């Protein structure tokens, strides 16, 4: 159970980081 929770937490963290990176890329004007 602990392994599953840790895996889900890692996936959630990765998803959050991807969302943040996407938001940052969209917020950055293309030059």
PDB file of N, CA and C in Angstrom:
ATOM      1  N   UNK A   1       0.844  -1.209   0.000  1.00  0.00           N
ATOM      2  CA  UNK A   1       0.000   0.000   0.000  1.00  0.00           C
ATOM      3  C   UNK A   1       0.870   1.247   0.000  1.00  0.00           C
ATOM      4  N   UNK A   2       1.915   1.216   0.792  1.00  0.00           N
ATOM      5  CA  UNK A   2       2.815   2.371   0.867  1.00  0.00           C
ATOM      6  C   UNK A   2       3.485   2.605  -0.485  1.00  0.00           C
ATOM      7  N   UNK A   3       3.836   1.518  -1.154  1.00  0.00           N
ATOM      8  CA  UNK A   3       4.495   1.659  -2.457  1.00  0.00           C
ATOM      9  C   UNK A   3       3.551   2.309  -3.466  1.00  0.00           C
ATOM     10  N   UNK A   4       2.288   1.898  -3.422  1.00  0.00           N
ATOM     11  CA  UNK A   4       1.302   2.471  -4.342  1.00  0.00           C
ATOM     12  C   UNK A   4       1.117   3.953  -4.068  1.00  0.00           C
ATOM     13  N   UNK A   5       1.020   4.304  -2.801  1.00  0.00           N
ATOM     14  CA  UNK A   5       0.836   5.708  -2.431  1.00  0.00           C
ATOM     15  C   UNK A   5       2.032   6.536  -2.882  1.00  0.00           C
ATOM     16  N   UNK A   6       3.222   5.990  -2.710  1.00  0.00           N
ATOM     17  CA  UNK A   6       4.430   6.705  -3.106  1.00  0.00           C
ATOM     18  C   UNK A   6       4.466   6.877  -4.620  1.00  0.00           C
ATOM     19  N   UNK A   7       4.060   5.821  -5.331  1.00  0.00           N
ATOM     20  CA  UNK A   7       4.049   5.886  -6.793  1.00  0.00           C
ATOM     21  C   UNK A   7       3.057   6.942  -7.273  1.00  0.00           C
ATOM     22  N   UNK A   8       1.862   6.939  -6.655  1.00  0.00           N
ATOM     23  CA  UNK A   8       0.850   7.921  -7.040  1.00  0.00           C
ATOM     24  C   UNK A   8       1.317   9.334  -6.728  1.00  0.00           C
ATOM     25  N   UNK A   9       2.002   9.502  -5.604  1.00  0.00           N
ATOM     26  CA  UNK A   9       2.501  10.820  -5.220  1.00  0.00           C
ATOM     27  C   UNK A   9       3.547  11.292  -6.227  1.00  0.00           C
ATOM     28  N   UNK A  10       4.408  10.375  -6.652  1.00  0.00           N
ATOM     29  CA  UNK A  10       5.451  10.725  -7.616  1.00  0.00           C
ATOM     30  C   UNK A  10       4.825  11.110  -8.951  1.00  0.00           C
ATOM     31  N   UNK A  11       3.806  10.361  -9.354  1.00  0.00           N
ATOM     32  CA  UNK A  11       3.143  10.665 -10.624  1.00  0.00           C
ATOM     33  C   UNK A  11       2.428  12.011 -10.541  1.00  0.00           C
ATOM     34  N   UNK A  12       1.799  12.271  -9.386  1.00  0.00           N
ATOM     35  CA  UNK A  12       1.092  13.541  -9.196  1.00  0.00           C
ATOM     36  C   UNK A  12       2.088  14.697  -9.228  1.00  0.00           C
ATOM     37  N   UNK A  13       3.270  14.494  -8.611  1.00  0.00           N
ATOM     38  CA  UNK A  13       4.302  15.531  -8.587  1.00  0.00           C
ATOM     39  C   UNK A  13       4.799  15.792 -10.010  1.00  0.00           C
ATOM     40  N   UNK A  14       5.018  14.716 -10.762  1.00  0.00           N
ATOM     41  CA  UNK A  14       5.504  14.858 -12.133  1.00  0.00           C
ATOM     42  C   UNK A  14       4.467  15.592 -12.980  1.00  0.00           C
ATOM     43  N   UNK A  15       3.199  15.266 -12.774  1.00  0.00           N
ATOM     44  CA  UNK A  15       2.132  15.914 -13.537  1.00  0.00           C
ATOM     45  C   UNK A  15       2.076  17.403 -13.193  1.00  0.00           C
ATOM     46  N   UNK A  16       2.222  17.716 -11.912  1.00  0.00           N
ATOM     47  CA  UNK A  16       2.182  19.110 -11.480  1.00  0.00           C
ATOM     48  C   UNK A  16       3.354  19.891 -12.073  1.00  0.00           C
ATOM     49  N   UNK A  17       4.519  19.243 -12.119  1.00  0.00           N
ATOM     50  CA  UNK A  17       5.702  19.913 -12.679  1.00  0.00           C
ATOM     51  C   UNK A  17       5.513  20.138 -14.177  1.00  0.00           C
ATOM     52  N   UNK A  18       4.887  19.168 -14.854  1.00  0.00           N
ATOM     53  CA  UNK A  18       4.645  19.305 -16.287  1.00  0.00           C
ATOM     54  C   UNK A  18       3.674  20.458 -16.536  1.00  0.00           C
ATOM     55  N   UNK A  19       2.641  20.546 -15.687  1.00  0.00           N
ATOM     56  CA  UNK A  19       1.665  21.631 -15.821  1.00  0.00           C
ATOM     57  C   UNK A  19       2.353  22.979 -15.625  1.00  0.00           C
ATOM     58  N   UNK A  20       3.231  23.053 -14.624  1.00  0.00           N
ATOM     59  CA  UNK A  20       3.932  24.304 -14.327  1.00  0.00           C
ATOM     60  C   UNK A  20       4.845  24.682 -15.487  1.00  0.00           C
ATOM     61  N   UNK A  21       5.525  23.693 -16.047  1.00  0.00           N
ATOM     62  CA  UNK A  21       6.436  23.955 -17.162  1.00  0.00           C
ATOM     63  C   UNK A  21       5.643  24.439 -18.373  1.00  0.00           C
ATOM     64  N   UNK A  22       4.478  23.811 -18.596  1.00  0.00           N
ATOM     65  CA  UNK A  22       3.638  24.209 -19.729  1.00  0.00           C
ATOM     66  C   UNK A  22       3.150  25.640 -19.543  1.00  0.00           C
ATOM     67  N   UNK A  23       2.720  25.953 -18.326  1.00  0.00           N
ATOM     68  CA  UNK A  23       2.224  27.295 -18.033  1.00  0.00           C
ATOM     69  C   UNK A  23       3.334  28.321 -18.227  1.00  0.00           C
ATOM     70  N   UNK A  24       4.531  27.980 -17.785  1.00  0.00           N
ATOM     71  CA  UNK A  24       5.664  28.896 -17.912  1.00  0.00           C
ATOM     72  C   UNK A  24       5.999  29.112 -19.386  1.00  0.00           C
ATOM     73  N   UNK A  25       5.935  28.044 -20.165  1.00  0.00           N
ATOM     74  CA  UNK A  25       6.245  28.144 -21.589  1.00  0.00           C
ATOM     75  C   UNK A  25       5.207  29.016 -22.288  1.00  0.00           C
ATOM     76  N   UNK A  26       3.944  28.852 -21.903  1.00  0.00           N
ATOM     77  CA  UNK A  26       2.887  29.649 -22.528  1.00  0.00           C
ATOM     78  C   UNK A  26       2.980  31.112 -22.106  1.00  0.00           C
ATOM     79  N   UNK A  27       3.442  31.335 -20.877  1.00  0.00           N
ATOM     80  CA  UNK A  27       3.539  32.699 -20.367  1.00  0.00           C
ATOM     81  C   UNK A  27       4.738  33.424 -20.974  1.00  0.00           C
ATOM     82  N   UNK A  28       5.715  32.653 -21.451  1.00  0.00           N
ATOM     83  CA  UNK A  28       6.913  33.250 -22.044  1.00  0.00           C
ATOM     84  C   UNK A  28       6.646  33.599 -23.509  1.00  0.00           C
ATOM     85  N   UNK A  29       6.766  34.867 -23.866  1.00  0.00           N
ATOM     86  CA  UNK A  29       6.520  35.268 -25.255  1.00  0.00           C
ATOM     87  C   UNK A  29       7.562  34.681 -26.203  1.00  0.00           C
ATOM     88  N   UNK A  30       7.095  34.158 -27.326  1.00  0.00           N
ATOM     89  CA  UNK A  30       8.019  33.567 -28.298  1.00  0.00           C
ATOM     90  C   UNK A  30       8.782  34.680 -28.991  1.00  0.00           C
ATOM     91  N   UNK A  31      10.087  34.499 -29.111  1.00  0.00           N
ATOM     92  CA  UNK A  31      10.903  35.530 -29.751  1.00  0.00           C
ATOM     93  C   UNK A  31      11.537  34.976 -31.016  1.00  0.00           C
TER      94      UNK A  31
END
